[in-house]
Amino acid sequence: MSLKKQFDIKEHICNVTFTIPKDAVKFAKKINLTGEFNNWDIESLPMKKLKNGEFSTSIELKQDREYEFKYLINGEVWLNEPDADMFKLNAFHTDNSVLVV
């Protein structure tokens, strides 16, 4: 899995690309990105399945912030990003991935 950050210093934003390789989610029919940046809406950020089997999506985020997030696989299984900048315990006593931009 991976996170790619591209900073726009003038606009104070960061374009972040989230990518999940096919080997990590062989059983996935759909994956949604959810987190603080979309009020944990489980439908608003579907990831696109690429021809090579990877899932990917990009979003713009304000800089100088931390964002907690997770992936939701097939509407049922929550998955963290191993390449996250850090992890934080959530109200369900599991970790959320944290992105620092």
Protein backbone atom coordinates (compact mmCIF):
# COMPACT_ATOMS: atom_id res chain seq x y z
CA MET A 1 0.00 0.00 0.00
CA SER A 2 1.19 3.51 -0.43
CA LEU A 3 0.59 7.18 0.09
CA LYS A 4 2.00 9.77 -2.31
CA LYS A 5 1.98 13.42 -1.24
CA GLN A 6 2.41 16.35 -3.63
CA PHE A 7 2.56 19.72 -1.90
CA ASP A 8 1.42 23.02 -3.43
CA ILE A 9 3.12 25.59 -1.21
CA LYS A 10 1.35 28.57 -2.81
CA GLU A 11 -2.13 27.14 -2.31
CA HIS A 12 -1.33 25.49 1.07
CA ILE A 13 -2.79 22.20 -0.11
CA CYS A 14 -1.47 18.70 -0.59
CA ASN A 15 -2.69 16.29 -3.25
CA VAL A 16 -2.57 12.82 -1.70
CA THR A 17 -2.84 9.64 -3.74
CA PHE A 18 -3.89 6.50 -1.87
CA THR A 19 -3.04 3.20 -3.58
CA ILE A 20 -3.75 -0.38 -2.51
CA PRO A 21 -2.04 -3.18 -4.47
CA LYS A 22 -4.18 -6.05 -5.71
CA ASP A 23 -2.30 -8.58 -3.57
CA ALA A 24 -3.39 -6.77 -0.40
CA VAL A 25 -7.10 -6.93 -1.26
CA LYS A 26 -7.61 -9.85 -3.62
CA PHE A 27 -11.21 -10.32 -2.46
CA ALA A 28 -12.21 -6.64 -2.89
CA LYS A 29 -15.00 -5.70 -5.24
CA LYS A 30 -15.11 -2.12 -3.94
CA ILE A 31 -13.04 0.00 -1.58
CA ASN A 32 -14.00 3.34 -0.08
CA LEU A 33 -11.64 5.82 1.54
CA THR A 34 -13.15 7.34 4.65
CA GLY A 35 -11.87 9.66 7.35
CA GLU A 36 -11.96 13.05 8.98
CA PHE A 37 -11.63 14.75 5.59
CA ASN A 38 -15.11 13.49 4.54
CA ASN A 39 -16.75 13.18 7.99
CA TRP A 40 -16.27 9.40 7.86
CA ASP A 41 -18.77 9.11 5.00
CA ILE A 42 -18.40 5.52 3.81
CA GLU A 43 -19.72 6.21 0.30
CA SER A 44 -18.35 9.60 -0.82
CA LEU A 45 -14.79 8.54 -1.79
CA PRO A 46 -14.88 5.29 -3.77
CA MET A 47 -11.48 4.12 -4.95
CA LYS A 48 -11.10 3.27 -8.62
CA LYS A 49 -10.01 -0.23 -9.57
CA LEU A 50 -7.20 0.09 -12.11
CA LYS A 51 -6.44 -2.30 -14.98
CA ASN A 52 -3.52 -3.77 -13.01
CA GLY A 53 -5.88 -4.67 -10.14
CA GLU A 54 -4.79 -1.89 -7.79
CA PHE A 55 -7.29 0.47 -6.19
CA SER A 56 -6.45 4.18 -6.15
CA THR A 57 -7.89 7.62 -5.46
CA SER A 58 -6.53 11.14 -4.94
CA ILE A 59 -7.81 13.98 -2.79
CA GLU A 60 -6.67 17.51 -1.95
CA LEU A 61 -6.15 18.31 1.72
CA LYS A 62 -5.24 21.46 3.62
CA GLN A 63 -1.63 21.50 4.80
CA ASP A 64 -0.37 21.65 8.39
CA ARG A 65 -2.97 19.18 9.64
CA GLU A 66 -3.37 15.58 10.67
CA TYR A 67 -6.19 13.44 9.25
CA GLU A 68 -7.38 10.12 10.63
CA PHE A 69 -8.64 7.67 8.02
CA LYS A 70 -9.29 4.03 7.06
CA TYR A 71 -10.23 1.99 4.02
CA LEU A 72 -13.56 0.15 3.94
CA ILE A 73 -13.46 -3.04 1.87
CA ASN A 74 -16.74 -4.31 0.34
CA GLY A 75 -18.66 -2.24 2.90
CA GLU A 76 -17.65 -4.66 5.67
CA VAL A 77 -13.94 -4.87 6.47
CA TRP A 78 -11.92 -1.94 7.84
CA LEU A 79 -8.28 -1.74 6.79
CA ASN A 80 -5.49 0.56 7.95
CA GLU A 81 -2.74 1.97 5.75
CA PRO A 82 0.57 0.37 6.86
CA ASP A 83 2.46 3.33 5.36
CA ALA A 84 0.52 5.88 7.43
CA ASP A 85 2.54 8.54 9.23
CA MET A 86 1.23 7.23 12.56
CA PHE A 87 -1.74 5.50 14.16
CA LYS A 88 -4.23 6.68 16.80
CA LEU A 89 -6.56 4.69 19.01
CA ASN A 90 -10.22 5.32 18.16
CA ALA A 91 -13.46 5.02 20.16
CA PHE A 92 -13.84 1.39 19.04
CA HIS A 93 -10.47 0.45 20.64
CA THR A 94 -8.80 -0.12 17.28
CA ASP A 95 -6.31 2.07 15.48
CA ASN A 96 -6.97 4.61 12.75
CA SER A 97 -4.33 5.48 10.18
CA VAL A 98 -3.09 9.07 10.43
CA LEU A 99 -1.89 11.20 7.54
CA VAL A 100 0.21 14.29 8.31
CA VAL A 101 0.28 16.97 5.63
